[in-house]
Amino acid sequence: MKIVANRKRCAGHARCAAVADQLFELDGNGYIGFEEKHVSPGFEELARRGVRACPERALKLEEDDDVSVIAGLPVQ
């Protein structure tokens, strides 16, 4: 599983980091600091919660089987 961030959509609410700061690093201005990040085993549920917390839907998860998930729902 990996987290994919759309940095252009990030508005700096930092709700993802409030849920799981170890997964969702922010830059010096409070915006998401990466475009893609692998999720280590055991952190999948935190990643899901952080993605769901984003009000701008700037984050999505890509499962290992290439299914994208936004806000907990599969995306075709």
PDB file of N, CA and C in Angstrom:
ATOM      1  N   MET A   1       0.846  -1.174   0.000  1.00  0.00           N
ATOM      2  CA  MET A   1       0.000   0.000   0.000  1.00  0.00           C
ATOM      3  C   MET A   1       0.891   1.236   0.000  1.00  0.00           C
ATOM      4  N   LYS A   2       0.424   2.259  -0.726  1.00  0.00           N
ATOM      5  CA  LYS A   2       1.142   3.529  -0.665  1.00  0.00           C
ATOM      6  C   LYS A   2       0.145   4.679  -0.629  1.00  0.00           C
ATOM      7  N   ILE A   3       0.595   5.785  -0.060  1.00  0.00           N
ATOM      8  CA  ILE A   3      -0.176   7.018  -0.005  1.00  0.00           C
ATOM      9  C   ILE A   3       0.274   7.870  -1.187  1.00  0.00           C
ATOM     10  N   VAL A   4      -0.679   8.389  -1.930  1.00  0.00           N
ATOM     11  CA  VAL A   4      -0.389   9.291  -3.042  1.00  0.00           C
ATOM     12  C   VAL A   4      -1.019  10.637  -2.697  1.00  0.00           C
ATOM     13  N   ALA A   5      -0.186  11.682  -2.728  1.00  0.00           N
ATOM     14  CA  ALA A   5      -0.656  13.019  -2.369  1.00  0.00           C
ATOM     15  C   ALA A   5      -0.702  13.912  -3.599  1.00  0.00           C
ATOM     16  N   ASN A   6      -1.785  14.642  -3.744  1.00  0.00           N
ATOM     17  CA  ASN A   6      -1.901  15.668  -4.768  1.00  0.00           C
ATOM     18  C   ASN A   6      -1.569  16.986  -4.072  1.00  0.00           C
ATOM     19  N   ARG A   7      -0.329  17.400  -4.182  1.00  0.00           N
ATOM     20  CA  ARG A   7       0.142  18.577  -3.446  1.00  0.00           C
ATOM     21  C   ARG A   7      -0.572  19.855  -3.872  1.00  0.00           C
ATOM     22  N   LYS A   8      -1.082  19.900  -5.093  1.00  0.00           N
ATOM     23  CA  LYS A   8      -1.811  21.088  -5.551  1.00  0.00           C
ATOM     24  C   LYS A   8      -3.159  21.233  -4.856  1.00  0.00           C
ATOM     25  N   ARG A   9      -3.730  20.113  -4.442  1.00  0.00           N
ATOM     26  CA  ARG A   9      -5.039  20.157  -3.770  1.00  0.00           C
ATOM     27  C   ARG A   9      -4.914  20.381  -2.277  1.00  0.00           C
ATOM     28  N   CYS A  10      -3.739  20.118  -1.708  1.00  0.00           N
ATOM     29  CA  CYS A  10      -3.546  20.263  -0.259  1.00  0.00           C
ATOM     30  C   CYS A  10      -3.720  21.725   0.140  1.00  0.00           C
ATOM     31  N   ALA A  11      -4.577  21.966   1.139  1.00  0.00           N
ATOM     32  CA  ALA A  11      -4.842  23.316   1.621  1.00  0.00           C
ATOM     33  C   ALA A  11      -4.207  23.581   2.983  1.00  0.00           C
ATOM     34  N   GLY A  12      -3.445  22.627   3.489  1.00  0.00           N
ATOM     35  CA  GLY A  12      -2.727  22.835   4.735  1.00  0.00           C
ATOM     36  C   GLY A  12      -3.557  22.692   5.999  1.00  0.00           C
ATOM     37  N   HIS A  13      -4.655  21.961   5.948  1.00  0.00           N
ATOM     38  CA  HIS A  13      -5.464  21.745   7.154  1.00  0.00           C
ATOM     39  C   HIS A  13      -4.729  20.897   8.187  1.00  0.00           C
ATOM     40  N   ALA A  14      -3.839  20.021   7.731  1.00  0.00           N
ATOM     41  CA  ALA A  14      -3.002  19.159   8.578  1.00  0.00           C
ATOM     42  C   ALA A  14      -3.799  18.123   9.372  1.00  0.00           C
ATOM     43  N   ARG A  15      -4.986  17.818   8.939  1.00  0.00           N
ATOM     44  CA  ARG A  15      -5.778  16.790   9.638  1.00  0.00           C
ATOM     45  C   ARG A  15      -5.157  15.408   9.487  1.00  0.00           C
ATOM     46  N   CYS A  16      -4.522  15.163   8.341  1.00  0.00           N
ATOM     47  CA  CYS A  16      -3.851  13.878   8.138  1.00  0.00           C
ATOM     48  C   CYS A  16      -2.742  13.700   9.167  1.00  0.00           C
ATOM     49  N   ALA A  17      -1.939  14.739   9.367  1.00  0.00           N
ATOM     50  CA  ALA A  17      -0.836  14.673  10.328  1.00  0.00           C
ATOM     51  C   ALA A  17      -1.349  14.597  11.759  1.00  0.00           C
ATOM     52  N   ALA A  18      -2.500  15.179  12.026  1.00  0.00           N
ATOM     53  CA  ALA A  18      -3.079  15.091  13.370  1.00  0.00           C
ATOM     54  C   ALA A  18      -3.450  13.646  13.697  1.00  0.00           C
ATOM     55  N   VAL A  19      -3.845  12.895  12.676  1.00  0.00           N
ATOM     56  CA  VAL A  19      -4.204  11.490  12.852  1.00  0.00           C
ATOM     57  C   VAL A  19      -2.953  10.618  12.957  1.00  0.00           C
ATOM     58  N   ALA A  20      -1.971  10.868  12.086  1.00  0.00           N
ATOM     59  CA  ALA A  20      -0.786  10.003  12.024  1.00  0.00           C
ATOM     60  C   ALA A  20       0.412  10.809  11.531  1.00  0.00           C
ATOM     61  N   ASP A  21       1.027  11.579  12.424  1.00  0.00           N
ATOM     62  CA  ASP A  21       2.148  12.424  12.007  1.00  0.00           C
ATOM     63  C   ASP A  21       3.355  11.621  11.541  1.00  0.00           C
ATOM     64  N   GLN A  22       3.444  10.354  11.946  1.00  0.00           N
ATOM     65  CA  GLN A  22       4.562   9.525  11.497  1.00  0.00           C
ATOM     66  C   GLN A  22       4.412   9.104  10.033  1.00  0.00           C
ATOM     67  N   LEU A  23       3.223   9.208   9.472  1.00  0.00           N
ATOM     68  CA  LEU A  23       2.981   8.864   8.066  1.00  0.00           C
ATOM     69  C   LEU A  23       2.843  10.087   7.177  1.00  0.00           C
ATOM     70  N   PHE A  24       2.299  11.157   7.703  1.00  0.00           N
ATOM     71  CA  PHE A  24       1.960  12.327   6.904  1.00  0.00           C
ATOM     72  C   PHE A  24       2.832  13.515   7.312  1.00  0.00           C
ATOM     73  N   GLU A  25       4.076  13.521   6.795  1.00  0.00           N
ATOM     74  CA  GLU A  25       4.980  14.618   7.096  1.00  0.00           C
ATOM     75  C   GLU A  25       4.547  15.863   6.329  1.00  0.00           C
ATOM     76  N   LEU A  26       4.639  16.995   7.005  1.00  0.00           N
ATOM     77  CA  LEU A  26       4.284  18.271   6.401  1.00  0.00           C
ATOM     78  C   LEU A  26       5.543  19.077   6.122  1.00  0.00           C
ATOM     79  N   ASP A  27       5.461  19.971   5.124  1.00  0.00           N
ATOM     80  CA  ASP A  27       6.604  20.846   4.859  1.00  0.00           C
ATOM     81  C   ASP A  27       6.586  22.014   5.854  1.00  0.00           C
ATOM     82  N   GLY A  28       7.508  22.921   5.707  1.00  0.00           N
ATOM     83  CA  GLY A  28       7.629  24.044   6.636  1.00  0.00           C
ATOM     84  C   GLY A  28       6.436  24.979   6.661  1.00  0.00           C
ATOM     85  N   ASN A  29       5.577  24.896   5.640  1.00  0.00           N
ATOM     86  CA  ASN A  29       4.382  25.738   5.575  1.00  0.00           C
ATOM     87  C   ASN A  29       3.112  25.002   5.981  1.00  0.00           C
ATOM     88  N   GLY A  30       3.243  23.743   6.404  1.00  0.00           N
ATOM     89  CA  GLY A  30       2.088  22.982   6.859  1.00  0.00           C
ATOM     90  C   GLY A  30       1.358  22.205   5.784  1.00  0.00           C
ATOM     91  N   TYR A  31       1.948  22.116   4.597  1.00  0.00           N
ATOM     92  CA  TYR A  31       1.356  21.350   3.504  1.00  0.00           C
ATOM     93  C   TYR A  31       2.005  19.968   3.437  1.00  0.00           C
ATOM     94  N   ILE A  32       1.323  19.035   2.808  1.00  0.00           N
ATOM     95  CA  ILE A  32       1.860  17.676   2.692  1.00  0.00           C
ATOM     96  C   ILE A  32       3.237  17.733   2.034  1.00  0.00           C
ATOM     97  N   GLY A  33       4.180  16.984   2.574  1.00  0.00           N
ATOM     98  CA  GLY A  33       5.568  17.098   2.153  1.00  0.00           C
ATOM     99  C   GLY A  33       6.064  16.021   1.213  1.00  0.00           C
ATOM    100  N   PHE A  34       5.170  15.244   0.632  1.00  0.00           N
ATOM    101  CA  PHE A  34       5.586  14.178  -0.282  1.00  0.00           C
ATOM    102  C   PHE A  34       4.517  13.972  -1.346  1.00  0.00           C
ATOM    103  N   GLU A  35       4.909  13.260  -2.408  1.00  0.00           N
ATOM    104  CA  GLU A  35       3.948  12.912  -3.461  1.00  0.00           C
ATOM    105  C   GLU A  35       3.519  11.456  -3.373  1.00  0.00           C
ATOM    106  N   GLU A  36       4.448  10.576  -2.979  1.00  0.00           N
ATOM    107  CA  GLU A  36       4.129   9.161  -2.772  1.00  0.00           C
ATOM    108  C   GLU A  36       4.917   8.650  -1.576  1.00  0.00           C
ATOM    109  N   LYS A  37       4.269   7.778  -0.828  1.00  0.00           N
ATOM    110  CA  LYS A  37       4.943   7.204   0.330  1.00  0.00           C
ATOM    111  C   LYS A  37       4.443   5.786   0.549  1.00  0.00           C
ATOM    112  N   HIS A  38       5.387   4.850   0.683  1.00  0.00           N
ATOM    113  CA  HIS A  38       5.051   3.458   0.985  1.00  0.00           C
ATOM    114  C   HIS A  38       4.599   3.365   2.441  1.00  0.00           C
ATOM    115  N   VAL A  39       3.569   2.572   2.690  1.00  0.00           N
ATOM    116  CA  VAL A  39       3.059   2.352   4.048  1.00  0.00           C
ATOM    117  C   VAL A  39       3.595   1.019   4.555  1.00  0.00           C
ATOM    118  N   SER A  40       4.327   1.073   5.638  1.00  0.00           N
ATOM    119  CA  SER A  40       4.899  -0.138   6.222  1.00  0.00           C
ATOM    120  C   SER A  40       3.808  -1.021   6.816  1.00  0.00           C
ATOM    121  N   PRO A  41       4.028  -2.330   6.823  1.00  0.00           N
ATOM    122  CA  PRO A  41       3.055  -3.238   7.447  1.00  0.00           C
ATOM    123  C   PRO A  41       2.768  -2.811   8.885  1.00  0.00           C
ATOM    124  N   GLY A  42       1.507  -2.871   9.230  1.00  0.00           N
ATOM    125  CA  GLY A  42       1.072  -2.477  10.568  1.00  0.00           C
ATOM    126  C   GLY A  42       0.575  -1.043  10.649  1.00  0.00           C
ATOM    127  N   PHE A  43       0.828  -0.238   9.619  1.00  0.00           N
ATOM    128  CA  PHE A  43       0.404   1.156   9.618  1.00  0.00           C
ATOM    129  C   PHE A  43      -0.739   1.416   8.635  1.00  0.00           C
ATOM    130  N   GLU A  44      -1.294   0.362   8.068  1.00  0.00           N
ATOM    131  CA  GLU A  44      -2.333   0.518   7.048  1.00  0.00           C
ATOM    132  C   GLU A  44      -3.578   1.241   7.576  1.00  0.00           C
ATOM    133  N   GLU A  45      -4.020   0.887   8.761  1.00  0.00           N
ATOM    134  CA  GLU A  45      -5.233   1.515   9.289  1.00  0.00           C
ATOM    135  C   GLU A  45      -5.001   2.992   9.589  1.00  0.00           C
ATOM    136  N   LEU A  46      -3.827   3.342  10.100  1.00  0.00           N
ATOM    137  CA  LEU A  46      -3.511   4.764  10.308  1.00  0.00           C
ATOM    138  C   LEU A  46      -3.493   5.511   8.979  1.00  0.00           C
ATOM    139  N   ALA A  47      -2.951   4.895   7.948  1.00  0.00           N
ATOM    140  CA  ALA A  47      -2.941   5.520   6.620  1.00  0.00           C
ATOM    141  C   ALA A  47      -4.365   5.757   6.142  1.00  0.00           C
ATOM    142  N   ARG A  48      -5.240   4.784   6.312  1.00  0.00           N
ATOM    143  CA  ARG A  48      -6.640   4.941   5.901  1.00  0.00           C
ATOM    144  C   ARG A  48      -7.308   6.083   6.654  1.00  0.00           C
ATOM    145  N   ARG A  49      -7.064   6.151   7.954  1.00  0.00           N
ATOM    146  CA  ARG A  49      -7.671   7.211   8.769  1.00  0.00           C
ATOM    147  C   ARG A  49      -7.158   8.584   8.352  1.00  0.00           C
ATOM    148  N   GLY A  50      -5.859   8.682   8.072  1.00  0.00           N
ATOM    149  CA  GLY A  50      -5.297   9.953   7.643  1.00  0.00           C
ATOM    150  C   GLY A  50      -5.845  10.413   6.305  1.00  0.00           C
ATOM    151  N   VAL A  51      -5.996   9.494   5.365  1.00  0.00           N
ATOM    152  CA  VAL A  51      -6.563   9.819   4.052  1.00  0.00           C
ATOM    153  C   VAL A  51      -8.009  10.272   4.211  1.00  0.00           C
ATOM    154  N   ARG A  52      -8.780   9.573   5.028  1.00  0.00           N
ATOM    155  CA  ARG A  52     -10.186   9.959   5.242  1.00  0.00           C
ATOM    156  C   ARG A  52     -10.311  11.319   5.916  1.00  0.00           C
ATOM    157  N   ALA A  53      -9.303  11.726   6.690  1.00  0.00           N
ATOM    158  CA  ALA A  53      -9.367  12.991   7.419  1.00  0.00           C
ATOM    159  C   ALA A  53      -9.187  14.212   6.529  1.00  0.00           C
ATOM    160  N   CYS A  54      -8.695  14.034   5.307  1.00  0.00           N
ATOM    161  CA  CYS A  54      -8.405  15.169   4.427  1.00  0.00           C
ATOM    162  C   CYS A  54      -9.694  15.740   3.831  1.00  0.00           C
ATOM    163  N   PRO A  55     -10.064  16.979   4.193  1.00  0.00           N
ATOM    164  CA  PRO A  55     -11.301  17.558   3.650  1.00  0.00           C
ATOM    165  C   PRO A  55     -11.178  17.948   2.179  1.00  0.00           C
ATOM    166  N   GLU A  56      -9.966  18.100   1.681  1.00  0.00           N
ATOM    167  CA  GLU A  56      -9.750  18.486   0.291  1.00  0.00           C
ATOM    168  C   GLU A  56      -9.639  17.286  -0.637  1.00  0.00           C
ATOM    169  N   ARG A  57      -9.624  16.080  -0.081  1.00  0.00           N
ATOM    170  CA  ARG A  57      -9.441  14.837  -0.844  1.00  0.00           C
ATOM    171  C   ARG A  57      -8.146  14.901  -1.669  1.00  0.00           C
ATOM    172  N   ALA A  58      -7.111  15.439  -1.034  1.00  0.00           N
ATOM    173  CA  ALA A  58      -5.804  15.563  -1.679  1.00  0.00           C
ATOM    174  C   ALA A  58      -4.975  14.290  -1.531  1.00  0.00           C
ATOM    175  N   LEU A  59      -5.485  13.324  -0.785  1.00  0.00           N
ATOM    176  CA  LEU A  59      -4.758  12.083  -0.527  1.00  0.00           C
ATOM    177  C   LEU A  59      -5.552  10.888  -1.014  1.00  0.00           C
ATOM    178  N   LYS A  60      -4.840   9.884  -1.488  1.00  0.00           N
ATOM    179  CA  LYS A  60      -5.491   8.622  -1.816  1.00  0.00           C
ATOM    180  C   LYS A  60      -4.532   7.496  -1.485  1.00  0.00           C
ATOM    181  N   LEU A  61      -5.084   6.321  -1.358  1.00  0.00           N
ATOM    182  CA  LEU A  61      -4.298   5.116  -1.121  1.00  0.00           C
ATOM    183  C   LEU A  61      -4.311   4.270  -2.370  1.00  0.00           C
ATOM    184  N   GLU A  62      -3.193   3.671  -2.661  1.00  0.00           N
ATOM    185  CA  GLU A  62      -3.135   2.667  -3.716  1.00  0.00           C
ATOM    186  C   GLU A  62      -2.762   1.356  -3.053  1.00  0.00           C
ATOM    187  N   GLU A  63      -3.679   0.418  -3.151  1.00  0.00           N
ATOM    188  CA  GLU A  63      -3.446  -0.902  -2.578  1.00  0.00           C
ATOM    189  C   GLU A  63      -2.460  -1.654  -3.453  1.00  0.00           C
ATOM    190  N   ASP A  64      -1.894  -2.702  -2.942  1.00  0.00           N
ATOM    191  CA  ASP A  64      -0.920  -3.485  -3.692  1.00  0.00           C
ATOM    192  C   ASP A  64      -1.506  -4.091  -4.959  1.00  0.00           C
ATOM    193  N   ASP A  65      -2.812  -4.244  -5.023  1.00  0.00           N
ATOM    194  CA  ASP A  65      -3.442  -4.805  -6.217  1.00  0.00           C
ATOM    195  C   ASP A  65      -3.864  -3.711  -7.203  1.00  0.00           C
ATOM    196  N   ASP A  66      -3.265  -2.500  -7.065  1.00  0.00           N
ATOM    197  CA  ASP A  66      -3.487  -1.375  -7.974  1.00  0.00           C
ATOM    198  C   ASP A  66      -4.901  -0.799  -7.925  1.00  0.00           C
ATOM    199  N   VAL A  67      -5.620  -0.983  -6.845  1.00  0.00           N
ATOM    200  CA  VAL A  67      -6.925  -0.367  -6.670  1.00  0.00           C
ATOM    201  C   VAL A  67      -6.716   0.906  -5.864  1.00  0.00           C
ATOM    202  N   SER A  68      -7.122   2.044  -6.409  1.00  0.00           N
ATOM    203  CA  SER A  68      -6.997   3.307  -5.692  1.00  0.00           C
ATOM    204  C   SER A  68      -8.189   3.480  -4.760  1.00  0.00           C
ATOM    205  N   VAL A  69      -7.935   4.089  -3.614  1.00  0.00           N
ATOM    206  CA  VAL A  69      -8.965   4.316  -2.617  1.00  0.00           C
ATOM    207  C   VAL A  69      -8.890   5.775  -2.187  1.00  0.00           C
ATOM    208  N   ILE A  70     -10.024   6.473  -2.265  1.00  0.00           N
ATOM    209  CA  ILE A  70     -10.120   7.835  -1.772  1.00  0.00           C
ATOM    210  C   ILE A  70     -11.231   7.845  -0.727  1.00  0.00           C
ATOM    211  N   ALA A  71     -10.918   8.380   0.436  1.00  0.00           N
ATOM    212  CA  ALA A  71     -11.891   8.468   1.532  1.00  0.00           C
ATOM    213  C   ALA A  71     -12.490   7.112   1.851  1.00  0.00           C
ATOM    214  N   GLY A  72     -11.706   6.074   1.713  1.00  0.00           N
ATOM    215  CA  GLY A  72     -12.157   4.745   2.082  1.00  0.00           C
ATOM    216  C   GLY A  72     -12.973   4.032   1.034  1.00  0.00           C
ATOM    217  N   LEU A  73     -13.172   4.658  -0.131  1.00  0.00           N
ATOM    218  CA  LEU A  73     -13.986   4.056  -1.183  1.00  0.00           C
ATOM    219  C   LEU A  73     -13.135   3.756  -2.403  1.00  0.00           C
ATOM    220  N   PRO A  74     -13.293   2.594  -3.028  1.00  0.00           N
ATOM    221  CA  PRO A  74     -12.525   2.267  -4.245  1.00  0.00           C
ATOM    222  C   PRO A  74     -12.842   3.243  -5.371  1.00  0.00           C
ATOM    223  N   VAL A  75     -11.840   3.569  -6.163  1.00  0.00           N
ATOM    224  CA  VAL A  75     -11.986   4.467  -7.296  1.00  0.00           C
ATOM    225  C   VAL A  75     -11.545   3.715  -8.541  1.00  0.00           C
ATOM    226  N   GLN A  76     -12.348   3.763  -9.571  1.00  0.00           N
ATOM    227  CA  GLN A  76     -12.008   3.086 -10.823  1.00  0.00           C
ATOM    228  C   GLN A  76     -11.141   3.962 -11.680  1.00  0.00           C
TER     229      GLN A  76
END
